[in-house]
C-alpha atoms as a PDB file:
ATOM      1  CA  MET A   1     -46.833  41.188 -46.869  1.00  0.00           C
ATOM      2  CA  SER A   2     -46.059  39.410 -43.617  1.00  0.00           C
ATOM      3  CA  THR A   3     -46.380  35.635 -42.983  1.00  0.00           C
ATOM      4  CA  THR A   4     -47.499  34.356 -39.517  1.00  0.00           C
ATOM      5  CA  SER A   5     -45.701  31.149 -38.574  1.00  0.00           C
ATOM      6  CA  ARG A   6     -47.013  28.840 -35.963  1.00  0.00           C
ATOM      7  CA  THR A   7     -44.847  26.915 -33.591  1.00  0.00           C
ATOM      8  CA  THR A   8     -44.958  23.230 -33.534  1.00  0.00           C
ATOM      9  CA  LEU A   9     -44.214  21.365 -30.420  1.00  0.00           C
ATOM     10  CA  LEU A  10     -43.531  17.586 -30.575  1.00  0.00           C
ATOM     11  CA  ILE A  11     -44.056  14.961 -28.132  1.00  0.00           C
ATOM     12  CA  LEU A  12     -41.763  11.961 -28.917  1.00  0.00           C
ATOM     13  CA  ASP A  13     -43.319   8.862 -27.017  1.00  0.00           C
ATOM     14  CA  CYS A  14     -40.505   6.395 -26.374  1.00  0.00           C
ATOM     15  CA  TYR A  15     -43.025   4.311 -24.278  1.00  0.00           C
ATOM     16  CA  THR A  16     -42.695   3.239 -20.575  1.00  0.00           C
ATOM     17  CA  VAL A  17     -42.356  -0.273 -19.321  1.00  0.00           C
ATOM     18  CA  GLU A  18     -44.783   0.083 -16.312  1.00  0.00           C
ATOM     19  CA  PRO A  19     -48.489  -1.038 -15.940  1.00  0.00           C
ATOM     20  CA  SER A  20     -49.630   2.469 -15.075  1.00  0.00           C
ATOM     21  CA  GLY A  21     -48.392   3.837 -18.418  1.00  0.00           C
ATOM     22  CA  LEU A  22     -51.077   1.903 -20.310  1.00  0.00           C
ATOM     23  CA  GLY A  23     -53.643   4.624 -19.752  1.00  0.00           C
ATOM     24  CA  VAL A  24     -57.024   4.762 -20.916  1.00  0.00           C
ATOM     25  CA  PRO A  25     -58.101   4.474 -24.672  1.00  0.00           C
ATOM     26  CA  PRO A  26     -56.527   5.550 -27.041  1.00  0.00           C
ATOM     27  CA  TYR A  27     -53.801   4.180 -24.729  1.00  0.00           C
ATOM     28  CA  LEU A  28     -51.646   7.172 -24.559  1.00  0.00           C
ATOM     29  CA  SER A  29     -49.381   6.886 -21.434  1.00  0.00           C
ATOM     30  CA  THR A  30     -49.974   9.288 -18.667  1.00  0.00           C
ATOM     31  CA  TYR A  31     -46.575  11.007 -19.248  1.00  0.00           C
ATOM     32  CA  ALA A  32     -47.491  11.864 -22.939  1.00  0.00           C
ATOM     33  CA  ARG A  33     -50.983  13.413 -21.636  1.00  0.00           C
ATOM     34  CA  ALA A  34     -49.051  15.187 -18.912  1.00  0.00           C
ATOM     35  CA  ALA A  35     -46.784  16.579 -21.387  1.00  0.00           C
ATOM     36  CA  TYR A  36     -49.522  17.819 -23.815  1.00  0.00           C
ATOM     37  CA  GLY A  37     -51.314  19.482 -20.852  1.00  0.00           C
ATOM     38  CA  ALA A  38     -47.917  21.440 -19.948  1.00  0.00           C
ATOM     39  CA  LEU A  39     -47.198  22.323 -23.392  1.00  0.00           C
ATOM     40  CA  ARG A  40     -50.780  23.454 -24.166  1.00  0.00           C
ATOM     41  CA  THR A  41     -50.622  25.609 -20.710  1.00  0.00           C
ATOM     42  CA  ALA A  42     -47.069  27.063 -21.624  1.00  0.00           C
ATOM     43  CA  GLN A  43     -47.905  27.842 -25.392  1.00  0.00           C
ATOM     44  CA  PRO A  44     -51.616  27.697 -25.952  1.00  0.00           C
ATOM     45  CA  ARG A  45     -51.377  28.958 -29.670  1.00  0.00           C
ATOM     46  CA  ALA A  46     -48.761  26.333 -30.507  1.00  0.00           C
ATOM     47  CA  ARG A  47     -49.702  23.116 -32.616  1.00  0.00           C
ATOM     48  CA  VAL A  48     -48.778  19.913 -30.495  1.00  0.00           C
ATOM     49  CA  ALA A  49     -47.629  16.979 -32.654  1.00  0.00           C
ATOM     50  CA  TYR A  50     -47.446  13.395 -31.234  1.00  0.00           C
ATOM     51  CA  LEU A  51     -45.164  10.607 -32.658  1.00  0.00           C
ATOM     52  CA  THR A  52     -44.131   7.236 -31.119  1.00  0.00           C
ATOM     53  CA  ILE A  53     -40.565   6.004 -31.345  1.00  0.00           C
ATOM     54  CA  ASP A  54     -42.068   3.496 -33.806  1.00  0.00           C
ATOM     55  CA  ASP A  55     -43.096   6.106 -35.999  1.00  0.00           C
ATOM     56  CA  VAL A  56     -39.727   7.588 -36.310  1.00  0.00           C
ATOM     57  CA  ARG A  57     -38.158   4.161 -37.077  1.00  0.00           C
ATOM     58  CA  TRP A  58     -40.492   3.522 -39.703  1.00  0.00           C
ATOM     59  CA  CYS A  59     -39.793   6.820 -41.597  1.00  0.00           C
ATOM     60  CA  LEU A  60     -35.979   6.415 -41.091  1.00  0.00           C
ATOM     61  CA  ASN A  61     -36.380   2.850 -42.556  1.00  0.00           C
ATOM     62  CA  GLY A  62     -37.896   4.080 -45.785  1.00  0.00           C
ATOM     63  CA  GLY A  63     -41.555   3.151 -44.638  1.00  0.00           C
ATOM     64  CA  GLN A  64     -40.709  -0.492 -43.990  1.00  0.00           C
ATOM     65  CA  PRO A  65     -40.865  -2.390 -40.617  1.00  0.00           C
ATOM     66  CA  HIS A  66     -37.533  -2.050 -38.565  1.00  0.00           C
ATOM     67  CA  GLU A  67     -37.409  -5.756 -38.435  1.00  0.00           C
ATOM     68  CA  ARG A  68     -39.109  -8.345 -40.323  1.00  0.00           C
ATOM     69  CA  PRO A  69     -41.718 -10.378 -38.331  1.00  0.00           C
ATOM     70  CA  PRO A  70     -40.163 -13.956 -37.561  1.00  0.00           C
ATOM     71  CA  LEU A  71     -41.642 -16.749 -39.828  1.00  0.00           C
ATOM     72  CA  SER A  72     -42.497 -18.732 -36.837  1.00  0.00           C
ATOM     73  CA  ASP A  73     -44.876 -16.342 -35.340  1.00  0.00           C
ATOM     74  CA  ARG A  74     -47.574 -16.307 -38.164  1.00  0.00           C
ATOM     75  CA  LEU A  75     -50.149 -15.003 -36.054  1.00  0.00           C
ATOM     76  CA  THR A  76     -48.844 -11.869 -34.875  1.00  0.00           C
ATOM     77  CA  SER A  77     -47.295 -10.841 -38.371  1.00  0.00           C
ATOM     78  CA  GLY A  78     -49.871  -9.513 -41.044  1.00  0.00           C
ATOM     79  CA  GLY A  79     -49.293  -8.734 -44.720  1.00  0.00           C
ATOM     80  CA  PRO A  80     -48.722 -10.910 -47.770  1.00  0.00           C
ATOM     81  CA  GLU A  81     -46.433 -13.276 -46.036  1.00  0.00           C
ATOM     82  CA  THR A  82     -49.154 -14.804 -43.930  1.00  0.00           C
ATOM     83  CA  ALA A  83     -51.299 -15.733 -46.822  1.00  0.00           C
ATOM     84  CA  SER A  84     -48.997 -18.551 -48.105  1.00  0.00           C
ATOM     85  CA  PRO A  85     -46.243 -20.746 -46.814  1.00  0.00           C
ATOM     86  CA  PRO A  86     -42.680 -19.261 -46.995  1.00  0.00           C
ATOM     87  CA  THR A  87     -40.587 -20.540 -49.959  1.00  0.00           C
ATOM     88  CA  ARG A  88     -37.415 -22.024 -49.010  1.00  0.00           C
END
């Protein structure tokens, strides 16, 4: 019995710092969109996966944020630490 394997290609989005990189919803950069089109054209039967650099950092850090949100900026951080004042 033979097994058929399917090639998986990965687009790793490390972000760009330019306004044109904002794209359109779901806010993928134009570079990631162009890479997807090129990969799909080159290998139409391959599976194309997309990860951001933050996804990689999250996994390498055991599913935890890479850095804790600052206690001084409670509006931008989420989770249980925003429900009650910090204990000191």
